[in-house]
Amino acid sequence: MSIEITVLFEILPDRLADTAEAFGELCAATRQEEGALRFDAWRSEEHENVIVLVEEWADQPAIELHMKEPYVADFLAKVEGAYVRPPYVHRLRPLAA
């Protein structure tokens, strides 16, 4: 069974454009990873400064490998200080589980 994760990021208004660009770069690179089944960033229609990351991974080792990629460190450096509050992470499981 794959691992699904959704992360909500509330971005400071003056950092929205550069943060959205950084997410685009991160998504493009991550989608090339073997264990990344889905990695998409979305803008909330209800909350202008919220970006939602939707991820699906083959397994936990794929996530761990992803976190070690140099472009992840580059992304984290680019978005440092861009959030209103820490990201809100949802690691999902089926209701029946």
PDB file of N, CA and C in Angstrom:
ATOM      1  N   MET A   1       0.843  -1.185   0.000  1.00  0.00           N
ATOM      2  CA  MET A   1       0.000   0.000   0.000  1.00  0.00           C
ATOM      3  C   MET A   1       0.890   1.251   0.000  1.00  0.00           C
ATOM      4  N   SER A   2       0.551   2.200  -0.838  1.00  0.00           N
ATOM      5  CA  SER A   2       1.326   3.432  -0.930  1.00  0.00           C
ATOM      6  C   SER A   2       1.041   4.333   0.279  1.00  0.00           C
ATOM      7  N   ILE A   3       1.861   5.362   0.410  1.00  0.00           N
ATOM      8  CA  ILE A   3       1.732   6.332   1.498  1.00  0.00           C
ATOM      9  C   ILE A   3       1.267   7.654   0.896  1.00  0.00           C
ATOM     10  N   GLU A   4       0.155   8.171   1.418  1.00  0.00           N
ATOM     11  CA  GLU A   4      -0.382   9.437   0.930  1.00  0.00           C
ATOM     12  C   GLU A   4      -0.240  10.499   2.012  1.00  0.00           C
ATOM     13  N   ILE A   5       0.214  11.672   1.593  1.00  0.00           N
ATOM     14  CA  ILE A   5       0.459  12.777   2.518  1.00  0.00           C
ATOM     15  C   ILE A   5      -0.072  14.053   1.872  1.00  0.00           C
ATOM     16  N   THR A   6      -0.725  14.879   2.679  1.00  0.00           N
ATOM     17  CA  THR A   6      -1.155  16.203   2.256  1.00  0.00           C
ATOM     18  C   THR A   6      -0.579  17.203   3.261  1.00  0.00           C
ATOM     19  N   VAL A   7       0.006  18.272   2.749  1.00  0.00           N
ATOM     20  CA  VAL A   7       0.611  19.284   3.615  1.00  0.00           C
ATOM     21  C   VAL A   7       0.058  20.657   3.231  1.00  0.00           C
ATOM     22  N   LEU A   8      -0.418  21.399   4.234  1.00  0.00           N
ATOM     23  CA  LEU A   8      -0.923  22.757   4.007  1.00  0.00           C
ATOM     24  C   LEU A   8       0.118  23.761   4.475  1.00  0.00           C
ATOM     25  N   PHE A   9       0.433  24.709   3.609  1.00  0.00           N
ATOM     26  CA  PHE A   9       1.405  25.757   3.898  1.00  0.00           C
ATOM     27  C   PHE A   9       0.701  27.104   3.800  1.00  0.00           C
ATOM     28  N   GLU A  10       0.681  27.865   4.885  1.00  0.00           N
ATOM     29  CA  GLU A  10       0.162  29.222   4.827  1.00  0.00           C
ATOM     30  C   GLU A  10       1.352  30.150   4.624  1.00  0.00           C
ATOM     31  N   ILE A  11       1.353  30.839   3.482  1.00  0.00           N
ATOM     32  CA  ILE A  11       2.503  31.629   3.047  1.00  0.00           C
ATOM     33  C   ILE A  11       2.292  33.109   3.355  1.00  0.00           C
ATOM     34  N   LEU A  12       3.349  33.769   3.787  1.00  0.00           N
ATOM     35  CA  LEU A  12       3.295  35.222   3.957  1.00  0.00           C
ATOM     36  C   LEU A  12       3.001  35.866   2.601  1.00  0.00           C
ATOM     37  N   PRO A  13       2.084  36.832   2.542  1.00  0.00           N
ATOM     38  CA  PRO A  13       1.691  37.409   1.249  1.00  0.00           C
ATOM     39  C   PRO A  13       2.859  37.902   0.403  1.00  0.00           C
ATOM     40  N   ASP A  14       3.839  38.525   1.014  1.00  0.00           N
ATOM     41  CA  ASP A  14       4.953  39.061   0.226  1.00  0.00           C
ATOM     42  C   ASP A  14       5.938  37.986  -0.233  1.00  0.00           C
ATOM     43  N   ARG A  15       5.749  36.743   0.209  1.00  0.00           N
ATOM     44  CA  ARG A  15       6.617  35.638  -0.197  1.00  0.00           C
ATOM     45  C   ARG A  15       5.903  34.640  -1.111  1.00  0.00           C
ATOM     46  N   LEU A  16       4.652  34.922  -1.444  1.00  0.00           N
ATOM     47  CA  LEU A  16       3.849  33.951  -2.195  1.00  0.00           C
ATOM     48  C   LEU A  16       4.438  33.644  -3.572  1.00  0.00           C
ATOM     49  N   ALA A  17       4.818  34.635  -4.319  1.00  0.00           N
ATOM     50  CA  ALA A  17       5.308  34.409  -5.683  1.00  0.00           C
ATOM     51  C   ALA A  17       6.585  33.578  -5.700  1.00  0.00           C
ATOM     52  N   ASP A  18       7.573  33.952  -4.875  1.00  0.00           N
ATOM     53  CA  ASP A  18       8.829  33.194  -4.896  1.00  0.00           C
ATOM     54  C   ASP A  18       8.654  31.800  -4.306  1.00  0.00           C
ATOM     55  N   THR A  19       7.763  31.660  -3.322  1.00  0.00           N
ATOM     56  CA  THR A  19       7.517  30.350  -2.732  1.00  0.00           C
ATOM     57  C   THR A  19       6.796  29.441  -3.733  1.00  0.00           C
ATOM     58  N   ALA A  20       5.834  29.974  -4.462  1.00  0.00           N
ATOM     59  CA  ALA A  20       5.136  29.193  -5.482  1.00  0.00           C
ATOM     60  C   ALA A  20       6.118  28.722  -6.559  1.00  0.00           C
ATOM     61  N   GLU A  21       7.027  29.585  -6.932  1.00  0.00           N
ATOM     62  CA  GLU A  21       8.049  29.200  -7.916  1.00  0.00           C
ATOM     63  C   GLU A  21       8.934  28.078  -7.372  1.00  0.00           C
ATOM     64  N   ALA A  22       9.321  28.180  -6.102  1.00  0.00           N
ATOM     65  CA  ALA A  22      10.147  27.138  -5.488  1.00  0.00           C
ATOM     66  C   ALA A  22       9.398  25.810  -5.431  1.00  0.00           C
ATOM     67  N   PHE A  23       8.109  25.854  -5.147  1.00  0.00           N
ATOM     68  CA  PHE A  23       7.309  24.630  -5.152  1.00  0.00           C
ATOM     69  C   PHE A  23       7.266  24.009  -6.546  1.00  0.00           C
ATOM     70  N   GLY A  24       7.126  24.840  -7.560  1.00  0.00           N
ATOM     71  CA  GLY A  24       7.117  24.327  -8.931  1.00  0.00           C
ATOM     72  C   GLY A  24       8.402  23.589  -9.271  1.00  0.00           C
ATOM     73  N   GLU A  25       9.526  24.153  -8.875  1.00  0.00           N
ATOM     74  CA  GLU A  25      10.825  23.511  -9.112  1.00  0.00           C
ATOM     75  C   GLU A  25      10.925  22.204  -8.340  1.00  0.00           C
ATOM     76  N   LEU A  26      10.488  22.221  -7.077  1.00  0.00           N
ATOM     77  CA  LEU A  26      10.532  21.013  -6.248  1.00  0.00           C
ATOM     78  C   LEU A  26       9.675  19.904  -6.853  1.00  0.00           C
ATOM     79  N   CYS A  27       8.470  20.260  -7.284  1.00  0.00           N
ATOM     80  CA  CYS A  27       7.569  19.259  -7.866  1.00  0.00           C
ATOM     81  C   CYS A  27       8.172  18.638  -9.120  1.00  0.00           C
ATOM     82  N   ALA A  28       8.708  19.453  -9.998  1.00  0.00           N
ATOM     83  CA  ALA A  28       9.287  18.940 -11.241  1.00  0.00           C
ATOM     84  C   ALA A  28      10.421  17.958 -10.963  1.00  0.00           C
ATOM     85  N   ALA A  29      11.289  18.294 -10.021  1.00  0.00           N
ATOM     86  CA  ALA A  29      12.409  17.407  -9.687  1.00  0.00           C
ATOM     87  C   ALA A  29      11.928  16.137  -8.999  1.00  0.00           C
ATOM     88  N   THR A  30      11.002  16.281  -8.066  1.00  0.00           N
ATOM     89  CA  THR A  30      10.539  15.140  -7.284  1.00  0.00           C
ATOM     90  C   THR A  30       9.806  14.126  -8.149  1.00  0.00           C
ATOM     91  N   ARG A  31       9.052  14.590  -9.129  1.00  0.00           N
ATOM     92  CA  ARG A  31       8.302  13.670  -9.995  1.00  0.00           C
ATOM     93  C   ARG A  31       9.216  12.717 -10.762  1.00  0.00           C
ATOM     94  N   GLN A  32      10.494  13.040 -10.849  1.00  0.00           N
ATOM     95  CA  GLN A  32      11.456  12.173 -11.529  1.00  0.00           C
ATOM     96  C   GLN A  32      11.937  11.030 -10.632  1.00  0.00           C
ATOM     97  N   GLU A  33      11.657  11.120  -9.345  1.00  0.00           N
ATOM     98  CA  GLU A  33      12.098  10.077  -8.417  1.00  0.00           C
ATOM     99  C   GLU A  33      11.289   8.802  -8.631  1.00  0.00           C
ATOM    100  N   GLU A  34      11.961   7.677  -8.547  1.00  0.00           N
ATOM    101  CA  GLU A  34      11.316   6.384  -8.778  1.00  0.00           C
ATOM    102  C   GLU A  34      10.157   6.126  -7.814  1.00  0.00           C
ATOM    103  N   GLY A  35      10.310   6.458  -6.554  1.00  0.00           N
ATOM    104  CA  GLY A  35       9.287   6.163  -5.553  1.00  0.00           C
ATOM    105  C   GLY A  35       8.195   7.202  -5.421  1.00  0.00           C
ATOM    106  N   ALA A  36       8.295   8.302  -6.174  1.00  0.00           N
ATOM    107  CA  ALA A  36       7.282   9.361  -6.113  1.00  0.00           C
ATOM    108  C   ALA A  36       6.162   9.025  -7.092  1.00  0.00           C
ATOM    109  N   LEU A  37       5.022   8.622  -6.565  1.00  0.00           N
ATOM    110  CA  LEU A  37       3.881   8.274  -7.409  1.00  0.00           C
ATOM    111  C   LEU A  37       3.055   9.503  -7.760  1.00  0.00           C
ATOM    112  N   ARG A  38       3.072  10.490  -6.867  1.00  0.00           N
ATOM    113  CA  ARG A  38       2.395  11.767  -7.107  1.00  0.00           C
ATOM    114  C   ARG A  38       3.062  12.824  -6.241  1.00  0.00           C
ATOM    115  N   PHE A  39       3.247  14.005  -6.804  1.00  0.00           N
ATOM    116  CA  PHE A  39       3.829  15.119  -6.055  1.00  0.00           C
ATOM    117  C   PHE A  39       3.374  16.402  -6.730  1.00  0.00           C
ATOM    118  N   ASP A  40       2.275  16.966  -6.228  1.00  0.00           N
ATOM    119  CA  ASP A  40       1.650  18.127  -6.853  1.00  0.00           C
ATOM    120  C   ASP A  40       1.412  19.226  -5.822  1.00  0.00           C
ATOM    121  N   ALA A  41       1.656  20.457  -6.221  1.00  0.00           N
ATOM    122  CA  ALA A  41       1.357  21.623  -5.381  1.00  0.00           C
ATOM    123  C   ALA A  41       0.161  22.350  -5.975  1.00  0.00           C
ATOM    124  N   TRP A  42      -0.766  22.749  -5.107  1.00  0.00           N
ATOM    125  CA  TRP A  42      -2.000  23.412  -5.507  1.00  0.00           C
ATOM    126  C   TRP A  42      -2.176  24.699  -4.716  1.00  0.00           C
ATOM    127  N   ARG A  43      -2.850  25.679  -5.315  1.00  0.00           N
ATOM    128  CA  ARG A  43      -3.265  26.886  -4.597  1.00  0.00           C
ATOM    129  C   ARG A  43      -4.690  26.681  -4.119  1.00  0.00           C
ATOM    130  N   SER A  44      -4.964  27.048  -2.903  1.00  0.00           N
ATOM    131  CA  SER A  44      -6.320  26.993  -2.374  1.00  0.00           C
ATOM    132  C   SER A  44      -7.157  28.087  -3.031  1.00  0.00           C
ATOM    133  N   GLU A  45      -8.366  27.749  -3.436  1.00  0.00           N
ATOM    134  CA  GLU A  45      -9.274  28.766  -3.978  1.00  0.00           C
ATOM    135  C   GLU A  45      -9.919  29.578  -2.860  1.00  0.00           C
ATOM    136  N   GLU A  46     -10.064  28.987  -1.688  1.00  0.00           N
ATOM    137  CA  GLU A  46     -10.706  29.679  -0.569  1.00  0.00           C
ATOM    138  C   GLU A  46      -9.749  30.560   0.227  1.00  0.00           C
ATOM    139  N   HIS A  47      -8.489  30.182   0.261  1.00  0.00           N
ATOM    140  CA  HIS A  47      -7.497  30.889   1.067  1.00  0.00           C
ATOM    141  C   HIS A  47      -6.315  31.253   0.169  1.00  0.00           C
ATOM    142  N   GLU A  48      -6.256  32.500  -0.224  1.00  0.00           N
ATOM    143  CA  GLU A  48      -5.329  32.980  -1.248  1.00  0.00           C
ATOM    144  C   GLU A  48      -3.862  32.625  -0.988  1.00  0.00           C
ATOM    145  N   ASN A  49      -3.445  32.626   0.261  1.00  0.00           N
ATOM    146  CA  ASN A  49      -2.034  32.425   0.581  1.00  0.00           C
ATOM    147  C   ASN A  49      -1.718  31.014   1.063  1.00  0.00           C
ATOM    148  N   VAL A  50      -2.563  30.054   0.702  1.00  0.00           N
ATOM    149  CA  VAL A  50      -2.335  28.670   1.108  1.00  0.00           C
ATOM    150  C   VAL A  50      -1.949  27.835  -0.109  1.00  0.00           C
ATOM    151  N   ILE A  51      -0.854  27.103   0.043  1.00  0.00           N
ATOM    152  CA  ILE A  51      -0.420  26.117  -0.940  1.00  0.00           C
ATOM    153  C   ILE A  51      -0.608  24.750  -0.301  1.00  0.00           C
ATOM    154  N   VAL A  52      -1.176  23.828  -1.074  1.00  0.00           N
ATOM    155  CA  VAL A  52      -1.424  22.470  -0.591  1.00  0.00           C
ATOM    156  C   VAL A  52      -0.565  21.516  -1.414  1.00  0.00           C
ATOM    157  N   LEU A  53       0.247  20.744  -0.728  1.00  0.00           N
ATOM    158  CA  LEU A  53       1.094  19.754  -1.374  1.00  0.00           C
ATOM    159  C   LEU A  53       0.416  18.392  -1.232  1.00  0.00           C
ATOM    160  N   VAL A  54       0.226  17.704  -2.350  1.00  0.00           N
ATOM    161  CA  VAL A  54      -0.403  16.385  -2.361  1.00  0.00           C
ATOM    162  C   VAL A  54       0.654  15.388  -2.836  1.00  0.00           C
ATOM    163  N   GLU A  55       0.961  14.428  -1.962  1.00  0.00           N
ATOM    164  CA  GLU A  55       2.037  13.477  -2.242  1.00  0.00           C
ATOM    165  C   GLU A  55       1.523  12.047  -2.156  1.00  0.00           C
ATOM    166  N   GLU A  56       2.079  11.177  -2.989  1.00  0.00           N
ATOM    167  CA  GLU A  56       1.873   9.737  -2.853  1.00  0.00           C
ATOM    168  C   GLU A  56       3.221   9.073  -3.118  1.00  0.00           C
ATOM    169  N   TRP A  57       3.603   8.215  -2.190  1.00  0.00           N
ATOM    170  CA  TRP A  57       4.911   7.560  -2.230  1.00  0.00           C
ATOM    171  C   TRP A  57       4.748   6.044  -2.260  1.00  0.00           C
ATOM    172  N   ALA A  58       5.670   5.387  -2.901  1.00  0.00           N
ATOM    173  CA  ALA A  58       5.644   3.926  -2.984  1.00  0.00           C
ATOM    174  C   ALA A  58       5.806   3.302  -1.599  1.00  0.00           C
ATOM    175  N   ASP A  59       6.674   3.891  -0.774  1.00  0.00           N
ATOM    176  CA  ASP A  59       6.942   3.343   0.551  1.00  0.00           C
ATOM    177  C   ASP A  59       7.757   4.343   1.373  1.00  0.00           C
ATOM    178  N   GLN A  60       7.992   4.015   2.633  1.00  0.00           N
ATOM    179  CA  GLN A  60       8.739   4.902   3.530  1.00  0.00           C
ATOM    180  C   GLN A  60      10.180   5.124   3.069  1.00  0.00           C
ATOM    181  N   PRO A  61      10.887   4.100   2.583  1.00  0.00           N
ATOM    182  CA  PRO A  61      12.243   4.356   2.082  1.00  0.00           C
ATOM    183  C   PRO A  61      12.285   5.388   0.946  1.00  0.00           C
ATOM    184  N   ALA A  62      11.247   5.437   0.120  1.00  0.00           N
ATOM    185  CA  ALA A  62      11.199   6.439  -0.953  1.00  0.00           C
ATOM    186  C   ALA A  62      11.122   7.851  -0.365  1.00  0.00           C
ATOM    187  N   ILE A  63      10.345   8.008   0.711  1.00  0.00           N
ATOM    188  CA  ILE A  63      10.244   9.311   1.379  1.00  0.00           C
ATOM    189  C   ILE A  63      11.592   9.696   1.982  1.00  0.00           C
ATOM    190  N   GLU A  64      12.214   8.748   2.637  1.00  0.00           N
ATOM    191  CA  GLU A  64      13.509   9.019   3.277  1.00  0.00           C
ATOM    192  C   GLU A  64      14.570   9.390   2.250  1.00  0.00           C
ATOM    193  N   LEU A  65      14.574   8.713   1.111  1.00  0.00           N
ATOM    194  CA  LEU A  65      15.516   9.036   0.046  1.00  0.00           C
ATOM    195  C   LEU A  65      15.229  10.436  -0.500  1.00  0.00           C
ATOM    196  N   HIS A  66      13.959  10.750  -0.690  1.00  0.00           N
ATOM    197  CA  HIS A  66      13.561  12.077  -1.170  1.00  0.00           C
ATOM    198  C   HIS A  66      14.103  13.184  -0.275  1.00  0.00           C
ATOM    199  N   MET A  67      13.978  13.006   1.015  1.00  0.00           N
ATOM    200  CA  MET A  67      14.400  14.037   1.962  1.00  0.00           C
ATOM    201  C   MET A  67      15.909  14.277   1.934  1.00  0.00           C
ATOM    202  N   LYS A  68      16.669  13.353   1.354  1.00  0.00           N
ATOM    203  CA  LYS A  68      18.127  13.492   1.257  1.00  0.00           C
ATOM    204  C   LYS A  68      18.583  14.111  -0.064  1.00  0.00           C
ATOM    205  N   GLU A  69      17.646  14.351  -0.967  1.00  0.00           N
ATOM    206  CA  GLU A  69      18.005  14.902  -2.279  1.00  0.00           C
ATOM    207  C   GLU A  69      18.482  16.349  -2.126  1.00  0.00           C
ATOM    208  N   PRO A  70      19.502  16.746  -2.877  1.00  0.00           N
ATOM    209  CA  PRO A  70      20.013  18.114  -2.774  1.00  0.00           C
ATOM    210  C   PRO A  70      18.968  19.173  -3.120  1.00  0.00           C
ATOM    211  N   TYR A  71      18.068  18.886  -4.041  1.00  0.00           N
ATOM    212  CA  TYR A  71      17.062  19.884  -4.399  1.00  0.00           C
ATOM    213  C   TYR A  71      16.041  20.091  -3.298  1.00  0.00           C
ATOM    214  N   VAL A  72      15.890  19.139  -2.385  1.00  0.00           N
ATOM    215  CA  VAL A  72      15.023  19.354  -1.219  1.00  0.00           C
ATOM    216  C   VAL A  72      15.679  20.370  -0.290  1.00  0.00           C
ATOM    217  N   ALA A  73      16.973  20.225  -0.057  1.00  0.00           N
ATOM    218  CA  ALA A  73      17.696  21.200   0.769  1.00  0.00           C
ATOM    219  C   ALA A  73      17.651  22.591   0.116  1.00  0.00           C
ATOM    220  N   ASP A  74      17.786  22.642  -1.204  1.00  0.00           N
ATOM    221  CA  ASP A  74      17.704  23.926  -1.915  1.00  0.00           C
ATOM    222  C   ASP A  74      16.323  24.548  -1.729  1.00  0.00           C
ATOM    223  N   PHE A  75      15.273  23.731  -1.861  1.00  0.00           N
ATOM    224  CA  PHE A  75      13.908  24.216  -1.671  1.00  0.00           C
ATOM    225  C   PHE A  75      13.724  24.778  -0.267  1.00  0.00           C
ATOM    226  N   LEU A  76      14.152  24.022   0.740  1.00  0.00           N
ATOM    227  CA  LEU A  76      14.002  24.465   2.130  1.00  0.00           C
ATOM    228  C   LEU A  76      14.713  25.792   2.379  1.00  0.00           C
ATOM    229  N   ALA A  77      15.877  25.972   1.761  1.00  0.00           N
ATOM    230  CA  ALA A  77      16.609  27.236   1.909  1.00  0.00           C
ATOM    231  C   ALA A  77      15.842  28.386   1.242  1.00  0.00           C
ATOM    232  N   LYS A  78      15.244  28.121   0.092  1.00  0.00           N
ATOM    233  CA  LYS A  78      14.508  29.167  -0.634  1.00  0.00           C
ATOM    234  C   LYS A  78      13.258  29.624   0.106  1.00  0.00           C
ATOM    235  N   VAL A  79      12.596  28.703   0.808  1.00  0.00           N
ATOM    236  CA  VAL A  79      11.320  29.044   1.452  1.00  0.00           C
ATOM    237  C   VAL A  79      11.466  29.337   2.951  1.00  0.00           C
ATOM    238  N   GLU A  80      12.687  29.334   3.446  1.00  0.00           N
ATOM    239  CA  GLU A  80      12.889  29.627   4.866  1.00  0.00           C
ATOM    240  C   GLU A  80      12.293  30.984   5.211  1.00  0.00           C
ATOM    241  N   GLY A  81      11.490  31.027   6.258  1.00  0.00           N
ATOM    242  CA  GLY A  81      10.868  32.261   6.713  1.00  0.00           C
ATOM    243  C   GLY A  81       9.644  32.685   5.924  1.00  0.00           C
ATOM    244  N   ALA A  82       9.173  31.831   4.996  1.00  0.00           N
ATOM    245  CA  ALA A  82       8.037  32.199   4.141  1.00  0.00           C
ATOM    246  C   ALA A  82       6.687  31.809   4.730  1.00  0.00           C
ATOM    247  N   TYR A  83       6.684  31.047   5.799  1.00  0.00           N
ATOM    248  CA  TYR A  83       5.428  30.522   6.336  1.00  0.00           C
ATOM    249  C   TYR A  83       4.909  31.351   7.506  1.00  0.00           C
ATOM    250  N   VAL A  84       3.593  31.504   7.560  1.00  0.00           N
ATOM    251  CA  VAL A  84       2.936  32.177   8.679  1.00  0.00           C
ATOM    252  C   VAL A  84       3.085  31.336   9.938  1.00  0.00           C
ATOM    253  N   ARG A  85       2.965  30.016   9.768  1.00  0.00           N
ATOM    254  CA  ARG A  85       3.090  29.044  10.864  1.00  0.00           C
ATOM    255  C   ARG A  85       3.676  27.767  10.281  1.00  0.00           C
ATOM    256  N   PRO A  86       4.099  26.840  11.111  1.00  0.00           N
ATOM    257  CA  PRO A  86       4.648  25.595  10.553  1.00  0.00           C
ATOM    258  C   PRO A  86       3.624  24.879   9.665  1.00  0.00           C
ATOM    259  N   PRO A  87       4.098  24.191   8.632  1.00  0.00           N
ATOM    260  CA  PRO A  87       3.187  23.448   7.759  1.00  0.00           C
ATOM    261  C   PRO A  87       2.354  22.439   8.550  1.00  0.00           C
ATOM    262  N   TYR A  88       1.149  22.205   8.067  1.00  0.00           N
ATOM    263  CA  TYR A  88       0.205  21.294   8.708  1.00  0.00           C
ATOM    264  C   TYR A  88       0.192  20.004   7.900  1.00  0.00           C
ATOM    265  N   VAL A  89       0.822  18.963   8.436  1.00  0.00           N
ATOM    266  CA  VAL A  89       1.038  17.708   7.726  1.00  0.00           C
ATOM    267  C   VAL A  89      -0.068  16.706   8.055  1.00  0.00           C
ATOM    268  N   HIS A  90      -0.609  16.082   7.007  1.00  0.00           N
ATOM    269  CA  HIS A  90      -1.622  15.035   7.160  1.00  0.00           C
ATOM    270  C   HIS A  90      -1.080  13.784   6.476  1.00  0.00           C
ATOM    271  N   ARG A  91      -0.660  12.813   7.248  1.00  0.00           N
ATOM    272  CA  ARG A  91      -0.324  11.509   6.676  1.00  0.00           C
ATOM    273  C   ARG A  91      -1.625  10.717   6.715  1.00  0.00           C
ATOM    274  N   LEU A  92      -2.090  10.296   5.558  1.00  0.00           N
ATOM    275  CA  LEU A  92      -3.444   9.760   5.431  1.00  0.00           C
ATOM    276  C   LEU A  92      -3.484   8.234   5.503  1.00  0.00           C
ATOM    277  N   ARG A  93      -4.633   7.732   5.968  1.00  0.00           N
ATOM    278  CA  ARG A  93      -4.898   6.293   5.948  1.00  0.00           C
ATOM    279  C   ARG A  93      -6.378   6.087   5.642  1.00  0.00           C
ATOM    280  N   PRO A  94      -6.708   4.970   5.054  1.00  0.00           N
ATOM    281  CA  PRO A  94      -8.118   4.718   4.741  1.00  0.00           C
ATOM    282  C   PRO A  94      -8.970   4.702   6.013  1.00  0.00           C
ATOM    283  N   LEU A  95     -10.225   5.092   5.893  1.00  0.00           N
ATOM    284  CA  LEU A  95     -11.133   5.081   7.043  1.00  0.00           C
ATOM    285  C   LEU A  95     -11.256   3.711   7.678  1.00  0.00           C
ATOM    286  N   ALA A  96     -11.205   2.679   6.887  1.00  0.00           N
ATOM    287  CA  ALA A  96     -11.380   1.308   7.384  1.00  0.00           C
ATOM    288  C   ALA A  96     -10.129   0.756   8.076  1.00  0.00           C
ATOM    289  N   ALA A  97      -9.018   1.465   7.986  1.00  0.00           N
ATOM    290  CA  ALA A  97      -7.752   0.946   8.555  1.00  0.00           C
ATOM    291  C   ALA A  97      -7.690   1.132  10.053  1.00  0.00           C
TER     292      ALA A  97
END
